Amino acid sequence: MTAALLAAAAASVWVRPLSTIPVRRGAPRPRVILPLAAAGLVLAALAAGAVAPAALGAVLVGTAWGGHRLWRQRALARHVAETQDWVLECCDLLASELAAGQAAESALARAAETWPALAPVWQSHAFGGDVPSALRRAGAEPGAGGLALVAAAWHVSHRTGHGLADALGRVAQALREARATDRVVRGELASARATARLVAALPVLALVIGSGSGGDPLGFLLGTPLGVACLGGGLALGLAGLGWIERIAADVGR
């Protein structure tokens, strides 16, 4: 029963983000299936009289769920930063291609080759569609908000006859300055994040020291009701602290 609970905890950690999993309409999602399965195993262990394995499994599953949420937040932050870099690179590419005398369709085709997310924008231009609207739709992706500025520059240029290359060059400069500010903010927050991770890792060092000094901290934490309660409380507080730091960092970033 304990092995089954541990397997459920591992599955809840390694499940892919829901945005990358095609789910049939009406089908139960992994974030619903895994907690229900873990709860069923815990209840089965309680019904069988295995109170300690059930409590330990509940603690491990809860920890895995909290760790998975933190991992997804960090993965989303990395994805946003990469998307912002792609937007800046494509804006520079469009400005340089147009300044060199290339047609807008050719410049968009080059940008779509560099970043496939712009392929719908190029197709919209090729078939006579509304390019600013296509850019705004592409800018709805997390981290691609800079495409709204590209759409605005495209719209104003076509309405006023002002050079599109010059407008996109100004947009690229604004995006470059924003990315520089983001790098400064991330650098300032790096020390706080490192401190939080160090504090979260200190209990592991305490366990190693306790085991080396002749004690049995793992036996206490995993084999007694009081130990399981201490383990659950400590893990919950550690995850809460890491989540708090990430929340502060996200607010500062916005």
C-alpha atoms as a PDB file:
ATOM      1  CA  MET A   1       0.000   0.000   0.000  1.00  0.00           C
ATOM      2  CA  THR A   2       2.857   2.378   0.818  1.00  0.00           C
ATOM      3  CA  ALA A   3       4.504   1.559  -2.521  1.00  0.00           C
ATOM      4  CA  ALA A   4       1.248   2.380  -4.337  1.00  0.00           C
ATOM      5  CA  LEU A   5       0.996   5.720  -2.534  1.00  0.00           C
ATOM      6  CA  LEU A   6       4.587   6.552  -3.436  1.00  0.00           C
ATOM      7  CA  ALA A   7       3.866   5.677  -7.072  1.00  0.00           C
ATOM      8  CA  ALA A   8       0.881   8.055  -7.033  1.00  0.00           C
ATOM      9  CA  ALA A   9       3.083  10.796  -5.588  1.00  0.00           C
ATOM     10  CA  ALA A  10       5.705  10.256  -8.305  1.00  0.00           C
ATOM     11  CA  ALA A  11       3.053  10.347 -11.016  1.00  0.00           C
ATOM     12  CA  SER A  12       1.668  13.633  -9.697  1.00  0.00           C
ATOM     13  CA  VAL A  13       5.154  15.173  -9.951  1.00  0.00           C
ATOM     14  CA  TRP A  14       6.031  14.006 -13.449  1.00  0.00           C
ATOM     15  CA  VAL A  15       2.715  14.630 -15.186  1.00  0.00           C
ATOM     16  CA  ARG A  16       3.199  17.120 -18.024  1.00  0.00           C
ATOM     17  CA  PRO A  17       1.638  20.598 -17.935  1.00  0.00           C
ATOM     18  CA  LEU A  18      -2.004  20.455 -18.924  1.00  0.00           C
ATOM     19  CA  SER A  19      -1.480  22.917 -21.781  1.00  0.00           C
ATOM     20  CA  THR A  20       0.602  20.302 -23.645  1.00  0.00           C
ATOM     21  CA  ILE A  21      -1.844  17.404 -23.146  1.00  0.00           C
ATOM     22  CA  PRO A  22      -4.700  17.064 -25.634  1.00  0.00           C
ATOM     23  CA  VAL A  23      -7.748  16.230 -23.534  1.00  0.00           C
ATOM     24  CA  ARG A  24     -11.048  15.107 -25.061  1.00  0.00           C
ATOM     25  CA  ARG A  25     -13.998  17.334 -24.188  1.00  0.00           C
ATOM     26  CA  GLY A  26     -15.701  16.000 -21.103  1.00  0.00           C
ATOM     27  CA  ALA A  27     -12.835  13.671 -20.170  1.00  0.00           C
ATOM     28  CA  PRO A  28     -11.430  13.874 -16.600  1.00  0.00           C
ATOM     29  CA  ARG A  29      -8.149  15.760 -16.427  1.00  0.00           C
ATOM     30  CA  PRO A  30      -4.931  14.449 -14.816  1.00  0.00           C
ATOM     31  CA  ARG A  31      -5.073  17.062 -12.042  1.00  0.00           C
ATOM     32  CA  VAL A  32      -8.433  15.527 -11.044  1.00  0.00           C
ATOM     33  CA  ILE A  33      -7.586  11.853 -11.591  1.00  0.00           C
ATOM     34  CA  LEU A  34      -4.347  11.765  -9.592  1.00  0.00           C
ATOM     35  CA  PRO A  35      -5.679  13.347  -6.358  1.00  0.00           C
ATOM     36  CA  LEU A  36      -8.750  11.107  -6.492  1.00  0.00           C
ATOM     37  CA  ALA A  37      -6.598   8.020  -6.981  1.00  0.00           C
ATOM     38  CA  ALA A  38      -4.309   9.050  -4.113  1.00  0.00           C
ATOM     39  CA  ALA A  39      -7.305   9.743  -1.857  1.00  0.00           C
ATOM     40  CA  GLY A  40      -8.729   6.320  -2.718  1.00  0.00           C
ATOM     41  CA  LEU A  41      -5.469   4.617  -1.786  1.00  0.00           C
ATOM     42  CA  VAL A  42      -5.294   6.502   1.506  1.00  0.00           C
ATOM     43  CA  LEU A  43      -8.866   5.530   2.374  1.00  0.00           C
ATOM     44  CA  ALA A  44      -8.141   1.916   1.459  1.00  0.00           C
ATOM     45  CA  ALA A  45      -5.099   1.942   3.738  1.00  0.00           C
ATOM     46  CA  LEU A  46      -7.170   3.403   6.570  1.00  0.00           C
ATOM     47  CA  ALA A  47      -9.871   0.772   6.050  1.00  0.00           C
ATOM     48  CA  ALA A  48      -7.196  -1.929   6.225  1.00  0.00           C
ATOM     49  CA  GLY A  49      -5.954  -0.525   9.531  1.00  0.00           C
ATOM     50  CA  ALA A  50      -2.633   0.727   8.140  1.00  0.00           C
ATOM     51  CA  VAL A  51      -2.812   4.148   9.741  1.00  0.00           C
ATOM     52  CA  ALA A  52       0.902   5.015   9.553  1.00  0.00           C
ATOM     53  CA  PRO A  53       1.313   4.131   5.832  1.00  0.00           C
ATOM     54  CA  ALA A  54      -1.900   6.026   5.029  1.00  0.00           C
ATOM     55  CA  ALA A  55      -0.712   9.137   6.870  1.00  0.00           C
ATOM     56  CA  LEU A  56       2.734   8.898   5.299  1.00  0.00           C
ATOM     57  CA  GLY A  57       1.216   8.454   1.851  1.00  0.00           C
ATOM     58  CA  ALA A  58      -1.060  11.452   2.341  1.00  0.00           C
ATOM     59  CA  VAL A  59       1.940  13.580   3.373  1.00  0.00           C
ATOM     60  CA  LEU A  60       3.994  12.439   0.372  1.00  0.00           C
ATOM     61  CA  VAL A  61       1.171  12.966  -2.107  1.00  0.00           C
ATOM     62  CA  GLY A  62       0.491  16.450  -0.721  1.00  0.00           C
ATOM     63  CA  THR A  63       4.190  17.277  -0.925  1.00  0.00           C
ATOM     64  CA  ALA A  64       4.393  16.005  -4.495  1.00  0.00           C
ATOM     65  CA  TRP A  65       1.373  18.115  -5.462  1.00  0.00           C
ATOM     66  CA  GLY A  66       2.865  21.258  -3.917  1.00  0.00           C
ATOM     67  CA  GLY A  67       6.257  20.614  -5.483  1.00  0.00           C
ATOM     68  CA  HIS A  68       4.639  20.066  -8.856  1.00  0.00           C
ATOM     69  CA  ARG A  69       2.846  23.418  -8.632  1.00  0.00           C
ATOM     70  CA  LEU A  70       6.133  25.165  -7.839  1.00  0.00           C
ATOM     71  CA  TRP A  71       7.829  23.374 -10.734  1.00  0.00           C
ATOM     72  CA  ARG A  72       5.076  24.459 -13.123  1.00  0.00           C
ATOM     73  CA  GLN A  73       5.384  28.066 -11.985  1.00  0.00           C
ATOM     74  CA  ARG A  74       9.126  28.064 -12.641  1.00  0.00           C
ATOM     75  CA  ALA A  75       8.608  26.323 -16.001  1.00  0.00           C
ATOM     76  CA  LEU A  76       6.029  28.939 -16.993  1.00  0.00           C
ATOM     77  CA  ALA A  77       8.425  31.743 -15.985  1.00  0.00           C
ATOM     78  CA  ARG A  78      11.167  30.234 -18.157  1.00  0.00           C
ATOM     79  CA  HIS A  79       8.732  29.866 -21.057  1.00  0.00           C
ATOM     80  CA  VAL A  80       7.655  33.509 -20.724  1.00  0.00           C
ATOM     81  CA  ALA A  81      11.285  34.693 -20.747  1.00  0.00           C
ATOM     82  CA  GLU A  82      12.087  32.597 -23.833  1.00  0.00           C
ATOM     83  CA  THR A  83       8.999  33.888 -25.633  1.00  0.00           C
ATOM     84  CA  GLN A  84       9.950  37.485 -24.859  1.00  0.00           C
ATOM     85  CA  ASP A  85      13.381  36.856 -26.380  1.00  0.00           C
ATOM     86  CA  TRP A  86      11.769  35.379 -29.502  1.00  0.00           C
ATOM     87  CA  VAL A  87       9.479  38.405 -29.853  1.00  0.00           C
ATOM     88  CA  LEU A  88      12.430  40.785 -29.640  1.00  0.00           C
ATOM     89  CA  GLU A  89      14.472  38.771 -32.128  1.00  0.00           C
ATOM     90  CA  CYS A  90      11.619  38.627 -34.647  1.00  0.00           C
ATOM     91  CA  CYS A  91      10.911  42.344 -34.255  1.00  0.00           C
ATOM     92  CA  ASP A  92      14.567  43.113 -34.996  1.00  0.00           C
ATOM     93  CA  LEU A  93      14.429  40.749 -37.976  1.00  0.00           C
ATOM     94  CA  LEU A  94      11.307  42.394 -39.401  1.00  0.00           C
ATOM     95  CA  ALA A  95      12.785  45.876 -38.979  1.00  0.00           C
ATOM     96  CA  SER A  96      16.078  44.918 -40.647  1.00  0.00           C
ATOM     97  CA  GLU A  97      14.372  43.071 -43.530  1.00  0.00           C
ATOM     98  CA  LEU A  98      12.033  45.982 -44.256  1.00  0.00           C
ATOM     99  CA  ALA A  99      14.867  48.505 -43.949  1.00  0.00           C
ATOM    100  CA  ALA A 100      16.803  46.474 -46.537  1.00  0.00           C
ATOM    101  CA  GLY A 101      13.948  46.901 -49.029  1.00  0.00           C
ATOM    102  CA  GLN A 102      12.281  43.510 -48.630  1.00  0.00           C
ATOM    103  CA  ALA A 103       8.517  43.219 -49.010  1.00  0.00           C
ATOM    104  CA  ALA A 104       6.396  42.758 -45.898  1.00  0.00           C
ATOM    105  CA  GLU A 105       5.344  39.245 -46.959  1.00  0.00           C
ATOM    106  CA  SER A 106       8.964  38.174 -47.378  1.00  0.00           C
ATOM    107  CA  ALA A 107       9.921  39.679 -44.005  1.00  0.00           C
ATOM    108  CA  LEU A 108       7.035  37.887 -42.290  1.00  0.00           C
ATOM    109  CA  ALA A 109       8.035  34.629 -43.984  1.00  0.00           C
ATOM    110  CA  ARG A 110      11.573  34.965 -42.616  1.00  0.00           C
ATOM    111  CA  ALA A 111      10.214  35.764 -39.149  1.00  0.00           C
ATOM    112  CA  ALA A 112       7.899  32.724 -39.300  1.00  0.00           C
ATOM    113  CA  GLU A 113      10.873  30.522 -40.179  1.00  0.00           C
ATOM    114  CA  THR A 114      12.728  31.891 -37.172  1.00  0.00           C
ATOM    115  CA  TRP A 115       9.774  31.563 -34.768  1.00  0.00           C
ATOM    116  CA  PRO A 116       6.971  29.214 -35.923  1.00  0.00           C
ATOM    117  CA  ALA A 117       4.434  30.967 -33.671  1.00  0.00           C
ATOM    118  CA  LEU A 118       4.320  33.736 -36.301  1.00  0.00           C
ATOM    119  CA  ALA A 119       3.280  31.353 -39.092  1.00  0.00           C
ATOM    120  CA  PRO A 120      -0.439  32.293 -38.733  1.00  0.00           C
ATOM    121  CA  VAL A 121       0.517  35.972 -39.080  1.00  0.00           C
ATOM    122  CA  TRP A 122       2.402  35.289 -42.307  1.00  0.00           C
ATOM    123  CA  GLN A 123      -0.508  33.210 -43.642  1.00  0.00           C
ATOM    124  CA  SER A 124      -2.937  36.004 -42.779  1.00  0.00           C
ATOM    125  CA  HIS A 125      -0.849  38.500 -44.782  1.00  0.00           C
ATOM    126  CA  ALA A 126      -0.408  36.074 -47.684  1.00  0.00           C
ATOM    127  CA  PHE A 127      -4.173  35.573 -48.022  1.00  0.00           C
ATOM    128  CA  GLY A 128      -5.047  39.244 -47.585  1.00  0.00           C
ATOM    129  CA  GLY A 129      -6.119  39.050 -43.958  1.00  0.00           C
ATOM    130  CA  ASP A 130      -5.811  41.566 -41.142  1.00  0.00           C
ATOM    131  CA  VAL A 131      -2.175  41.383 -40.003  1.00  0.00           C
ATOM    132  CA  PRO A 132      -2.561  43.519 -36.830  1.00  0.00           C
ATOM    133  CA  SER A 133      -5.408  41.296 -35.631  1.00  0.00           C
ATOM    134  CA  ALA A 134      -3.319  38.186 -36.308  1.00  0.00           C
ATOM    135  CA  LEU A 135      -0.441  39.723 -34.371  1.00  0.00           C
ATOM    136  CA  ARG A 136      -2.714  40.478 -31.414  1.00  0.00           C
ATOM    137  CA  ARG A 137      -3.984  36.892 -31.423  1.00  0.00           C
ATOM    138  CA  ALA A 138      -0.405  35.608 -31.417  1.00  0.00           C
ATOM    139  CA  GLY A 139       0.394  38.066 -28.609  1.00  0.00           C
ATOM    140  CA  ALA A 140      -2.156  36.367 -26.347  1.00  0.00           C
ATOM    141  CA  GLU A 141       0.428  33.663 -25.593  1.00  0.00           C
ATOM    142  CA  PRO A 142       2.216  34.190 -22.238  1.00  0.00           C
ATOM    143  CA  GLY A 143       5.304  36.313 -22.823  1.00  0.00           C
ATOM    144  CA  ALA A 144       4.291  37.423 -26.329  1.00  0.00           C
ATOM    145  CA  GLY A 145       2.646  40.664 -25.245  1.00  0.00           C
ATOM    146  CA  GLY A 146       5.245  42.629 -27.215  1.00  0.00           C
ATOM    147  CA  LEU A 147       3.455  41.559 -30.403  1.00  0.00           C
ATOM    148  CA  ALA A 148       0.663  43.970 -29.452  1.00  0.00           C
ATOM    149  CA  LEU A 149       3.179  46.803 -29.947  1.00  0.00           C
ATOM    150  CA  VAL A 150       4.180  45.316 -33.308  1.00  0.00           C
ATOM    151  CA  ALA A 151       0.491  45.199 -34.266  1.00  0.00           C
ATOM    152  CA  ALA A 152       0.039  48.830 -33.245  1.00  0.00           C
ATOM    153  CA  ALA A 153       3.093  49.894 -35.265  1.00  0.00           C
ATOM    154  CA  TRP A 154       1.824  47.936 -38.284  1.00  0.00           C
ATOM    155  CA  HIS A 155      -1.641  49.512 -38.015  1.00  0.00           C
ATOM    156  CA  VAL A 156      -0.379  53.085 -37.627  1.00  0.00           C
ATOM    157  CA  SER A 157       2.139  52.678 -40.439  1.00  0.00           C
ATOM    158  CA  HIS A 158      -0.480  51.486 -42.914  1.00  0.00           C
ATOM    159  CA  ARG A 159      -2.953  54.209 -41.925  1.00  0.00           C
ATOM    160  CA  THR A 160      -0.500  57.118 -41.973  1.00  0.00           C
ATOM    161  CA  GLY A 161       1.960  55.939 -44.621  1.00  0.00           C
ATOM    162  CA  HIS A 162       4.875  56.245 -42.196  1.00  0.00           C
ATOM    163  CA  GLY A 163       7.753  53.830 -42.745  1.00  0.00           C
ATOM    164  CA  LEU A 164       7.051  50.467 -41.120  1.00  0.00           C
ATOM    165  CA  ALA A 165      10.747  49.667 -40.708  1.00  0.00           C
ATOM    166  CA  ASP A 166      11.320  52.791 -38.613  1.00  0.00           C
ATOM    167  CA  ALA A 167       8.258  52.068 -36.460  1.00  0.00           C
ATOM    168  CA  LEU A 168       9.331  48.468 -35.863  1.00  0.00           C
ATOM    169  CA  GLY A 169      12.831  49.670 -35.020  1.00  0.00           C
ATOM    170  CA  ARG A 170      11.394  51.859 -32.261  1.00  0.00           C
ATOM    171  CA  VAL A 171       9.291  48.952 -30.992  1.00  0.00           C
ATOM    172  CA  ALA A 172      12.372  46.727 -30.924  1.00  0.00           C
ATOM    173  CA  GLN A 173      14.253  49.350 -28.918  1.00  0.00           C
ATOM    174  CA  ALA A 174      11.394  49.578 -26.399  1.00  0.00           C
ATOM    175  CA  LEU A 175      11.282  45.779 -26.070  1.00  0.00           C
ATOM    176  CA  ARG A 176      15.058  45.656 -25.633  1.00  0.00           C
ATOM    177  CA  GLU A 177      14.892  48.190 -22.796  1.00  0.00           C
ATOM    178  CA  ALA A 178      12.080  46.199 -21.145  1.00  0.00           C
ATOM    179  CA  ARG A 179      14.137  42.990 -21.343  1.00  0.00           C
ATOM    180  CA  ALA A 180      17.097  44.797 -19.767  1.00  0.00           C
ATOM    181  CA  THR A 181      14.862  45.887 -16.903  1.00  0.00           C
ATOM    182  CA  ASP A 182      13.629  42.291 -16.494  1.00  0.00           C
ATOM    183  CA  ARG A 183      17.208  41.054 -16.234  1.00  0.00           C
ATOM    184  CA  VAL A 184      17.953  43.605 -13.506  1.00  0.00           C
ATOM    185  CA  VAL A 185      14.838  42.540 -11.571  1.00  0.00           C
ATOM    186  CA  ARG A 186      15.733  38.848 -11.873  1.00  0.00           C
ATOM    187  CA  GLY A 187      19.249  39.586 -10.667  1.00  0.00           C
ATOM    188  CA  GLU A 188      17.932  41.420  -7.627  1.00  0.00           C
ATOM    189  CA  LEU A 189      15.547  38.557  -6.806  1.00  0.00           C
ATOM    190  CA  ALA A 190      18.165  35.834  -7.273  1.00  0.00           C
ATOM    191  CA  SER A 191      19.597  36.275  -3.771  1.00  0.00           C
ATOM    192  CA  ALA A 192      16.153  35.981  -2.127  1.00  0.00           C
ATOM    193  CA  ARG A 193      15.375  32.827  -4.108  1.00  0.00           C
ATOM    194  CA  ALA A 194      18.757  31.316  -3.274  1.00  0.00           C
ATOM    195  CA  THR A 195      18.226  32.014   0.432  1.00  0.00           C
ATOM    196  CA  ALA A 196      14.797  30.370   0.339  1.00  0.00           C
ATOM    197  CA  ARG A 197      16.218  27.241  -1.314  1.00  0.00           C
ATOM    198  CA  LEU A 198      19.041  27.101   1.214  1.00  0.00           C
ATOM    199  CA  VAL A 199      16.606  27.318   4.118  1.00  0.00           C
ATOM    200  CA  ALA A 200      14.446  24.605   2.497  1.00  0.00           C
ATOM    201  CA  ALA A 201      17.492  22.324   2.178  1.00  0.00           C
ATOM    202  CA  LEU A 202      18.692  22.773   5.772  1.00  0.00           C
ATOM    203  CA  PRO A 203      16.371  20.064   7.207  1.00  0.00           C
ATOM    204  CA  VAL A 204      18.004  17.520   4.885  1.00  0.00           C
ATOM    205  CA  LEU A 205      21.388  18.483   6.307  1.00  0.00           C
ATOM    206  CA  ALA A 206      19.952  18.119   9.817  1.00  0.00           C
ATOM    207  CA  LEU A 207      18.798  14.585   8.969  1.00  0.00           C
ATOM    208  CA  VAL A 208      22.277  13.685   7.732  1.00  0.00           C
ATOM    209  CA  ILE A 209      23.897  15.088  10.866  1.00  0.00           C
ATOM    210  CA  GLY A 210      21.376  13.286  13.082  1.00  0.00           C
ATOM    211  CA  SER A 211      21.979   9.966  11.348  1.00  0.00           C
ATOM    212  CA  GLY A 212      25.748  10.414  11.574  1.00  0.00           C
ATOM    213  CA  SER A 213      25.605  11.101  15.295  1.00  0.00           C
ATOM    214  CA  GLY A 214      23.961   7.759  16.052  1.00  0.00           C
ATOM    215  CA  GLY A 215      20.311   8.831  16.022  1.00  0.00           C
ATOM    216  CA  ASP A 216      17.503   7.537  13.823  1.00  0.00           C
ATOM    217  CA  PRO A 217      15.625  10.609  12.586  1.00  0.00           C
ATOM    218  CA  LEU A 218      14.258   8.841   9.495  1.00  0.00           C
ATOM    219  CA  GLY A 219      12.844   6.041  11.627  1.00  0.00           C
ATOM    220  CA  PHE A 220      11.133   8.620  13.825  1.00  0.00           C
ATOM    221  CA  LEU A 221       9.751  10.636  10.905  1.00  0.00           C
ATOM    222  CA  LEU A 222       8.553   7.675   8.840  1.00  0.00           C
ATOM    223  CA  GLY A 223       7.637   5.141  11.513  1.00  0.00           C
ATOM    224  CA  THR A 224       5.773   6.988  14.264  1.00  0.00           C
ATOM    225  CA  PRO A 225       2.545   9.010  14.178  1.00  0.00           C
ATOM    226  CA  LEU A 226       4.216  12.012  15.802  1.00  0.00           C
ATOM    227  CA  GLY A 227       7.091  11.792  13.330  1.00  0.00           C
ATOM    228  CA  VAL A 228       4.727  11.670  10.360  1.00  0.00           C
ATOM    229  CA  ALA A 229       2.926  14.731  11.750  1.00  0.00           C
ATOM    230  CA  CYS A 230       6.252  16.562  12.120  1.00  0.00           C
ATOM    231  CA  LEU A 231       7.241  15.532   8.600  1.00  0.00           C
ATOM    232  CA  GLY A 232       3.959  16.770   7.146  1.00  0.00           C
ATOM    233  CA  GLY A 233       4.100  20.062   9.012  1.00  0.00           C
ATOM    234  CA  GLY A 234       7.719  20.706   8.073  1.00  0.00           C
ATOM    235  CA  LEU A 235       7.181  19.917   4.398  1.00  0.00           C
ATOM    236  CA  ALA A 236       4.048  22.073   4.315  1.00  0.00           C
ATOM    237  CA  LEU A 237       5.860  25.044   5.855  1.00  0.00           C
ATOM    238  CA  GLY A 238       8.836  24.594   3.507  1.00  0.00           C
ATOM    239  CA  LEU A 239       6.628  24.517   0.425  1.00  0.00           C
ATOM    240  CA  ALA A 240       4.641  27.488   1.726  1.00  0.00           C
ATOM    241  CA  GLY A 241       7.857  29.481   2.126  1.00  0.00           C
ATOM    242  CA  LEU A 242       9.066  28.633  -1.382  1.00  0.00           C
ATOM    243  CA  GLY A 243       5.645  29.449  -2.805  1.00  0.00           C
ATOM    244  CA  TRP A 244       5.601  32.754  -0.940  1.00  0.00           C
ATOM    245  CA  ILE A 245       8.966  33.765  -2.407  1.00  0.00           C
ATOM    246  CA  GLU A 246       7.808  32.831  -5.922  1.00  0.00           C
ATOM    247  CA  ARG A 247       4.602  34.829  -5.420  1.00  0.00           C
ATOM    248  CA  ILE A 248       6.579  37.891  -4.348  1.00  0.00           C
ATOM    249  CA  ALA A 249       8.902  37.463  -7.345  1.00  0.00           C
ATOM    250  CA  ALA A 250       5.937  37.163  -9.723  1.00  0.00           C
ATOM    251  CA  ASP A 251       4.354  40.329  -8.302  1.00  0.00           C
ATOM    252  CA  VAL A 252       7.624  42.236  -8.682  1.00  0.00           C
ATOM    253  CA  GLY A 253       7.964  40.973 -12.256  1.00  0.00           C
ATOM    254  CA  ARG A 254       4.492  42.203 -13.165  1.00  0.00           C
END
